[in-house]
Amino acid sequence: AGFDYTDTPLVGYIDSDLQTSPEDFNLLL
């Protein structure tokens, strides 16, 4: 559903338990 409702060139996801840090998206980007 997230993919379906995305309208940007890039899409990512992170779990809401935050066992990973959103800051690390920059490493992937």
PDB file of all heavy atoms in Angstrom:
ATOM      1  N   ALA A   1       0.836  -1.205   0.000  1.00  0.00           N
ATOM      2  CA  ALA A   1       0.000   0.000   0.000  1.00  0.00           C
ATOM      3  C   ALA A   1       0.867   1.250   0.000  1.00  0.00           C
ATOM      4  O   ALA A   1       0.565   2.233  -0.684  1.00  0.00           O
ATOM      5  CB  ALA A   1      -0.942  -0.004   1.209  1.00  0.00           C
ATOM      6  N   GLY A   2       1.947   1.215   0.771  1.00  0.00           N
ATOM      7  CA  GLY A   2       2.857   2.348   0.774  1.00  0.00           C
ATOM      8  C   GLY A   2       3.430   2.614  -0.604  1.00  0.00           C
ATOM      9  O   GLY A   2       3.477   3.764  -1.059  1.00  0.00           O
ATOM     10  N   PHE A   3       3.835   1.558  -1.304  1.00  0.00           N
ATOM     11  CA  PHE A   3       4.323   1.712  -2.680  1.00  0.00           C
ATOM     12  C   PHE A   3       3.228   2.304  -3.570  1.00  0.00           C
ATOM     13  O   PHE A   3       3.477   3.200  -4.378  1.00  0.00           O
ATOM     14  CB  PHE A   3       4.767   0.368  -3.242  1.00  0.00           C
ATOM     15  CG  PHE A   3       6.000  -0.226  -2.609  1.00  0.00           C
ATOM     16  CD1 PHE A   3       6.333  -1.553  -2.829  1.00  0.00           C
ATOM     17  CD2 PHE A   3       6.826   0.537  -1.799  1.00  0.00           C
ATOM     18  CE1 PHE A   3       7.476  -2.109  -2.273  1.00  0.00           C
ATOM     19  CE2 PHE A   3       7.976  -0.017  -1.223  1.00  0.00           C
ATOM     20  CZ  PHE A   3       8.293  -1.351  -1.469  1.00  0.00           C
ATOM     21  N   ASP A   4       2.010   1.776  -3.417  1.00  0.00           N
ATOM     22  CA  ASP A   4       0.899   2.224  -4.270  1.00  0.00           C
ATOM     23  C   ASP A   4       0.601   3.709  -4.087  1.00  0.00           C
ATOM     24  O   ASP A   4       0.219   4.395  -5.045  1.00  0.00           O
ATOM     25  CB  ASP A   4      -0.368   1.414  -3.958  1.00  0.00           C
ATOM     26  CG  ASP A   4      -0.275  -0.032  -4.427  1.00  0.00           C
ATOM     27  OD1 ASP A   4       0.599  -0.340  -5.256  1.00  0.00           O
ATOM     28  OD2 ASP A   4      -1.084  -0.852  -3.951  1.00  0.00           O
ATOM     29  N   TYR A   5       0.742   4.212  -2.862  1.00  0.00           N
ATOM     30  CA  TYR A   5       0.378   5.600  -2.567  1.00  0.00           C
ATOM     31  C   TYR A   5       1.580   6.554  -2.606  1.00  0.00           C
ATOM     32  O   TYR A   5       1.443   7.723  -2.264  1.00  0.00           O
ATOM     33  CB  TYR A   5      -0.324   5.680  -1.209  1.00  0.00           C
ATOM     34  CG  TYR A   5      -1.766   5.223  -1.269  1.00  0.00           C
ATOM     35  CD1 TYR A   5      -2.095   3.884  -1.108  1.00  0.00           C
ATOM     36  CD2 TYR A   5      -2.791   6.131  -1.523  1.00  0.00           C
ATOM     37  CE1 TYR A   5      -3.418   3.452  -1.182  1.00  0.00           C
ATOM     38  CE2 TYR A   5      -4.108   5.711  -1.593  1.00  0.00           C
ATOM     39  CZ  TYR A   5      -4.414   4.372  -1.427  1.00  0.00           C
ATOM     40  OH  TYR A   5      -5.722   3.945  -1.504  1.00  0.00           O
ATOM     41  N   THR A   6       2.715   6.056  -3.052  1.00  0.00           N
ATOM     42  CA  THR A   6       3.899   6.908  -3.179  1.00  0.00           C
ATOM     43  C   THR A   6       3.882   7.632  -4.523  1.00  0.00           C
ATOM     44  O   THR A   6       3.602   7.033  -5.563  1.00  0.00           O
ATOM     45  CB  THR A   6       5.181   6.057  -3.063  1.00  0.00           C
ATOM     46  OG1 THR A   6       5.323   5.608  -1.711  1.00  0.00           O
ATOM     47  CG2 THR A   6       6.416   6.853  -3.453  1.00  0.00           C
ATOM     48  N   ASP A   7       4.200   8.927  -4.496  1.00  0.00           N
ATOM     49  CA  ASP A   7       4.231   9.722  -5.727  1.00  0.00           C
ATOM     50  C   ASP A   7       5.570  10.446  -5.894  1.00  0.00           C
ATOM     51  O   ASP A   7       5.653  11.463  -6.575  1.00  0.00           O
ATOM     52  CB  ASP A   7       3.082  10.739  -5.737  1.00  0.00           C
ATOM     53  CG  ASP A   7       3.105  11.680  -4.537  1.00  0.00           C
ATOM     54  OD1 ASP A   7       4.053  11.593  -3.722  1.00  0.00           O
ATOM     55  OD2 ASP A   7       2.179  12.499  -4.415  1.00  0.00           O
ATOM     56  N   THR A   8       6.611   9.912  -5.251  1.00  0.00           N
ATOM     57  CA  THR A   8       7.946  10.488  -5.356  1.00  0.00           C
ATOM     58  C   THR A   8       8.862   9.524  -6.104  1.00  0.00           C
ATOM     59  O   THR A   8       8.579   8.328  -6.179  1.00  0.00           O
ATOM     60  CB  THR A   8       8.531  10.760  -3.961  1.00  0.00           C
ATOM     61  OG1 THR A   8       8.483   9.543  -3.186  1.00  0.00           O
ATOM     62  CG2 THR A   8       7.750  11.847  -3.244  1.00  0.00           C
ATOM     63  N   PRO A   9       9.986   9.987  -6.644  1.00  0.00           N
ATOM     64  CA  PRO A   9      10.881   9.099  -7.400  1.00  0.00           C
ATOM     65  C   PRO A   9      11.519   8.004  -6.554  1.00  0.00           C
ATOM     66  O   PRO A   9      11.858   6.938  -7.066  1.00  0.00           O
ATOM     67  CB  PRO A   9      11.951  10.049  -7.948  1.00  0.00           C
ATOM     68  CG  PRO A   9      11.346  11.409  -7.903  1.00  0.00           C
ATOM     69  CD  PRO A   9      10.412  11.402  -6.743  1.00  0.00           C
ATOM     70  N   LEU A  10      11.665   8.253  -5.252  1.00  0.00           N
ATOM     71  CA  LEU A  10      12.283   7.288  -4.350  1.00  0.00           C
ATOM     72  C   LEU A  10      11.329   6.948  -3.218  1.00  0.00           C
ATOM     73  O   LEU A  10      10.561   7.799  -2.763  1.00  0.00           O
ATOM     74  CB  LEU A  10      13.581   7.847  -3.758  1.00  0.00           C
ATOM     75  CG  LEU A  10      14.701   8.198  -4.738  1.00  0.00           C
ATOM     76  CD1 LEU A  10      15.860   8.871  -3.995  1.00  0.00           C
ATOM     77  CD2 LEU A  10      15.189   6.966  -5.483  1.00  0.00           C
ATOM     78  N   VAL A  11      11.395   5.708  -2.772  1.00  0.00           N
ATOM     79  CA  VAL A  11      10.558   5.263  -1.656  1.00  0.00           C
ATOM     80  C   VAL A  11      11.412   4.391  -0.745  1.00  0.00           C
ATOM     81  O   VAL A  11      12.302   3.663  -1.198  1.00  0.00           O
ATOM     82  CB  VAL A  11       9.313   4.492  -2.156  1.00  0.00           C
ATOM     83  CG1 VAL A  11       9.698   3.240  -2.918  1.00  0.00           C
ATOM     84  CG2 VAL A  11       8.370   4.156  -1.008  1.00  0.00           C
ATOM     85  N   GLY A  12      11.159   4.502   0.549  1.00  0.00           N
ATOM     86  CA  GLY A  12      11.842   3.650   1.512  1.00  0.00           C
ATOM     87  C   GLY A  12      10.901   3.282   2.632  1.00  0.00           C
ATOM     88  O   GLY A  12       9.764   3.750   2.683  1.00  0.00           O
ATOM     89  N   TYR A  13      11.349   2.410   3.521  1.00  0.00           N
ATOM     90  CA  TYR A  13      10.524   2.154   4.696  1.00  0.00           C
ATOM     91  C   TYR A  13      11.384   1.835   5.908  1.00  0.00           C
ATOM     92  O   TYR A  13      12.543   1.431   5.797  1.00  0.00           O
ATOM     93  CB  TYR A  13       9.476   1.067   4.441  1.00  0.00           C
ATOM     94  CG  TYR A  13       9.979  -0.360   4.368  1.00  0.00           C
ATOM     95  CD1 TYR A  13      10.105  -1.143   5.508  1.00  0.00           C
ATOM     96  CD2 TYR A  13      10.278  -0.943   3.142  1.00  0.00           C
ATOM     97  CE1 TYR A  13      10.543  -2.452   5.436  1.00  0.00           C
ATOM     98  CE2 TYR A  13      10.713  -2.257   3.054  1.00  0.00           C
ATOM     99  CZ  TYR A  13      10.851  -3.012   4.206  1.00  0.00           C
ATOM    100  OH  TYR A  13      11.295  -4.309   4.134  1.00  0.00           O
ATOM    101  N   ILE A  14      10.792   2.088   7.056  1.00  0.00           N
ATOM    102  CA  ILE A  14      11.421   1.821   8.340  1.00  0.00           C
ATOM    103  C   ILE A  14      10.334   1.336   9.284  1.00  0.00           C
ATOM    104  O   ILE A  14       9.196   1.805   9.223  1.00  0.00           O
ATOM    105  CB  ILE A  14      12.116   3.091   8.886  1.00  0.00           C
ATOM    106  CG1 ILE A  14      12.876   2.795  10.183  1.00  0.00           C
ATOM    107  CG2 ILE A  14      11.116   4.227   9.095  1.00  0.00           C
ATOM    108  CD1 ILE A  14      13.756   3.956  10.643  1.00  0.00           C
ATOM    109  N   ASP A  15      10.662   0.390  10.159  1.00  0.00           N
ATOM    110  CA  ASP A  15       9.680  -0.109  11.121  1.00  0.00           C
ATOM    111  C   ASP A  15       9.401   0.933  12.199  1.00  0.00           C
ATOM    112  O   ASP A  15      10.294   1.706  12.584  1.00  0.00           O
ATOM    113  CB  ASP A  15      10.181  -1.392  11.786  1.00  0.00           C
ATOM    114  CG  ASP A  15       9.933  -2.623  10.939  1.00  0.00           C
ATOM    115  OD1 ASP A  15       9.318  -2.481   9.864  1.00  0.00           O
ATOM    116  OD2 ASP A  15      10.372  -3.718  11.347  1.00  0.00           O
ATOM    117  N   SER A  16       8.184   0.915  12.724  1.00  0.00           N
ATOM    118  CA  SER A  16       7.798   1.879  13.749  1.00  0.00           C
ATOM    119  C   SER A  16       8.395   1.560  15.111  1.00  0.00           C
ATOM    120  O   SER A  16       8.269   2.381  16.032  1.00  0.00           O
ATOM    121  CB  SER A  16       6.269   1.944  13.855  1.00  0.00           C
ATOM    122  OG  SER A  16       5.715   0.660  14.008  1.00  0.00           O
ATOM    123  N   ASP A  17       9.052   0.402  15.265  1.00  0.00           N
ATOM    124  CA  ASP A  17       9.723   0.138  16.545  1.00  0.00           C
ATOM    125  C   ASP A  17      11.054   0.883  16.654  1.00  0.00           C
ATOM    126  O   ASP A  17      11.647   0.948  17.725  1.00  0.00           O
ATOM    127  CB  ASP A  17       9.924  -1.360  16.771  1.00  0.00           C
ATOM    128  CG  ASP A  17      10.779  -2.023  15.696  1.00  0.00           C
ATOM    129  OD1 ASP A  17      11.513  -1.315  14.968  1.00  0.00           O
ATOM    130  OD2 ASP A  17      10.725  -3.257  15.574  1.00  0.00           O
ATOM    131  N   LEU A  18      11.529   1.446  15.534  1.00  0.00           N
ATOM    132  CA  LEU A  18      12.759   2.239  15.488  1.00  0.00           C
ATOM    133  C   LEU A  18      13.962   1.479  16.054  1.00  0.00           C
ATOM    134  O   LEU A  18      14.831   2.063  16.714  1.00  0.00           O
ATOM    135  CB  LEU A  18      12.589   3.571  16.219  1.00  0.00           C
ATOM    136  CG  LEU A  18      11.635   4.580  15.558  1.00  0.00           C
ATOM    137  CD1 LEU A  18      11.632   5.881  16.346  1.00  0.00           C
ATOM    138  CD2 LEU A  18      12.032   4.845  14.115  1.00  0.00           C
ATOM    139  N   GLN A  19      14.049   0.185  15.752  1.00  0.00           N
ATOM    140  CA  GLN A  19      15.284  -0.539  16.066  1.00  0.00           C
ATOM    141  C   GLN A  19      16.377  -0.201  15.057  1.00  0.00           C
ATOM    142  O   GLN A  19      17.532  -0.589  15.246  1.00  0.00           O
ATOM    143  CB  GLN A  19      15.026  -2.047  16.116  1.00  0.00           C
ATOM    144  CG  GLN A  19      14.284  -2.491  17.368  1.00  0.00           C
ATOM    145  CD  GLN A  19      14.298  -3.985  17.559  1.00  0.00           C
ATOM    146  OE1 GLN A  19      13.319  -4.675  17.297  1.00  0.00           O
ATOM    147  NE2 GLN A  19      15.420  -4.501  18.022  1.00  0.00           N
ATOM    148  N   THR A  20      16.002   0.483  13.991  1.00  0.00           N
ATOM    149  CA  THR A  20      16.972   1.103  13.098  1.00  0.00           C
ATOM    150  C   THR A  20      16.741   2.611  13.138  1.00  0.00           C
ATOM    151  O   THR A  20      15.660   3.072  13.479  1.00  0.00           O
ATOM    152  CB  THR A  20      16.837   0.583  11.659  1.00  0.00           C
ATOM    153  OG1 THR A  20      15.468   0.732  11.235  1.00  0.00           O
ATOM    154  CG2 THR A  20      17.227  -0.890  11.573  1.00  0.00           C
ATOM    155  N   SER A  21      17.764   3.369  12.778  1.00  0.00           N
ATOM    156  CA  SER A  21      17.679   4.822  12.879  1.00  0.00           C
ATOM    157  C   SER A  21      17.357   5.441  11.530  1.00  0.00           C
ATOM    158  O   SER A  21      17.993   5.105  10.520  1.00  0.00           O
ATOM    159  CB  SER A  21      19.006   5.392  13.380  1.00  0.00           C
ATOM    160  OG  SER A  21      19.012   6.806  13.277  1.00  0.00           O
ATOM    161  N   PRO A  22      16.394   6.370  11.471  1.00  0.00           N
ATOM    162  CA  PRO A  22      16.124   7.048  10.203  1.00  0.00           C
ATOM    163  C   PRO A  22      17.338   7.800   9.672  1.00  0.00           C
ATOM    164  O   PRO A  22      17.469   7.985   8.459  1.00  0.00           O
ATOM    165  CB  PRO A  22      14.968   8.002  10.538  1.00  0.00           C
ATOM    166  CG  PRO A  22      14.913   8.073  12.019  1.00  0.00           C
ATOM    167  CD  PRO A  22      15.466   6.796  12.531  1.00  0.00           C
ATOM    168  N   GLU A  23      18.251   8.207  10.546  1.00  0.00           N
ATOM    169  CA  GLU A  23      19.459   8.894  10.080  1.00  0.00           C
ATOM    170  C   GLU A  23      20.247   8.041   9.092  1.00  0.00           C
ATOM    171  O   GLU A  23      20.919   8.567   8.201  1.00  0.00           O
ATOM    172  CB  GLU A  23      20.355   9.268  11.267  1.00  0.00           C
ATOM    173  CG  GLU A  23      19.780  10.341  12.166  1.00  0.00           C
ATOM    174  CD  GLU A  23      20.735  10.694  13.292  1.00  0.00           C
ATOM    175  OE1 GLU A  23      21.877  10.157  13.288  1.00  0.00           O
ATOM    176  OE2 GLU A  23      20.351  11.477  14.163  1.00  0.00           O
ATOM    177  N   ASP A  24      20.154   6.708   9.248  1.00  0.00           N
ATOM    178  CA  ASP A  24      20.912   5.814   8.374  1.00  0.00           C
ATOM    179  C   ASP A  24      20.329   5.725   6.966  1.00  0.00           C
ATOM    180  O   ASP A  24      20.966   5.149   6.072  1.00  0.00           O
ATOM    181  CB  ASP A  24      21.019   4.426   9.001  1.00  0.00           C
ATOM    182  CG  ASP A  24      21.999   4.412  10.181  1.00  0.00           C
ATOM    183  OD1 ASP A  24      22.736   5.409  10.345  1.00  0.00           O
ATOM    184  OD2 ASP A  24      22.028   3.416  10.929  1.00  0.00           O
ATOM    185  N   PHE A  25      19.129   6.303   6.753  1.00  0.00           N
ATOM    186  CA  PHE A  25      18.653   6.431   5.376  1.00  0.00           C
ATOM    187  C   PHE A  25      19.676   7.188   4.526  1.00  0.00           C
ATOM    188  O   PHE A  25      19.835   6.903   3.335  1.00  0.00           O
ATOM    189  CB  PHE A  25      17.314   7.172   5.323  1.00  0.00           C
ATOM    190  CG  PHE A  25      16.111   6.306   5.468  1.00  0.00           C
ATOM    191  CD1 PHE A  25      15.178   6.570   6.468  1.00  0.00           C
ATOM    192  CD2 PHE A  25      15.877   5.245   4.607  1.00  0.00           C
ATOM    193  CE1 PHE A  25      14.039   5.781   6.597  1.00  0.00           C
ATOM    194  CE2 PHE A  25      14.747   4.445   4.733  1.00  0.00           C
ATOM    195  CZ  PHE A  25      13.825   4.715   5.729  1.00  0.00           C
ATOM    196  N   ASN A  26      20.371   8.154   5.127  1.00  0.00           N
ATOM    197  CA  ASN A  26      21.352   8.919   4.360  1.00  0.00           C
ATOM    198  C   ASN A  26      22.486   8.034   3.845  1.00  0.00           C
ATOM    199  O   ASN A  26      23.038   8.284   2.762  1.00  0.00           O
ATOM    200  CB  ASN A  26      21.915  10.068   5.196  1.00  0.00           C
ATOM    201  CG  ASN A  26      20.950  11.235   5.293  1.00  0.00           C
ATOM    202  OD1 ASN A  26      19.928  11.270   4.612  1.00  0.00           O
ATOM    203  ND2 ASN A  26      21.267  12.199   6.148  1.00  0.00           N
ATOM    204  N   LEU A  27      22.841   6.998   4.606  1.00  0.00           N
ATOM    205  CA  LEU A  27      23.855   6.050   4.147  1.00  0.00           C
ATOM    206  C   LEU A  27      23.376   5.308   2.898  1.00  0.00           C
ATOM    207  O   LEU A  27      24.151   5.062   1.970  1.00  0.00           O
ATOM    208  CB  LEU A  27      24.188   5.044   5.248  1.00  0.00           C
ATOM    209  CG  LEU A  27      24.762   5.603   6.555  1.00  0.00           C
ATOM    210  CD1 LEU A  27      24.936   4.481   7.571  1.00  0.00           C
ATOM    211  CD2 LEU A  27      26.092   6.290   6.285  1.00  0.00           C
ATOM    212  N   LEU A  28      22.086   4.953   2.891  1.00  0.00           N
ATOM    213  CA  LEU A  28      21.530   4.229   1.745  1.00  0.00           C
ATOM    214  C   LEU A  28      21.354   5.150   0.545  1.00  0.00           C
ATOM    215  O   LEU A  28      21.604   4.759  -0.605  1.00  0.00           O
ATOM    216  CB  LEU A  28      20.191   3.589   2.132  1.00  0.00           C
ATOM    217  CG  LEU A  28      20.158   2.717   3.397  1.00  0.00           C
ATOM    218  CD1 LEU A  28      18.809   2.009   3.500  1.00  0.00           C
ATOM    219  CD2 LEU A  28      21.286   1.703   3.418  1.00  0.00           C
ATOM    220  N   LEU A  29      20.909   6.374   0.811  1.00  0.00           N
ATOM    221  CA  LEU A  29      20.667   7.329  -0.274  1.00  0.00           C
ATOM    222  C   LEU A  29      21.945   7.680  -1.029  1.00  0.00           C
ATOM    223  O   LEU A  29      21.884   8.062  -2.202  1.00  0.00           O
ATOM    224  CB  LEU A  29      20.014   8.591   0.276  1.00  0.00           C
ATOM    225  CG  LEU A  29      18.549   8.447   0.717  1.00  0.00           C
ATOM    226  CD1 LEU A  29      18.112   9.669   1.518  1.00  0.00           C
ATOM    227  CD2 LEU A  29      17.633   8.229  -0.479  1.00  0.00           C
TER     228      LEU A  29
END
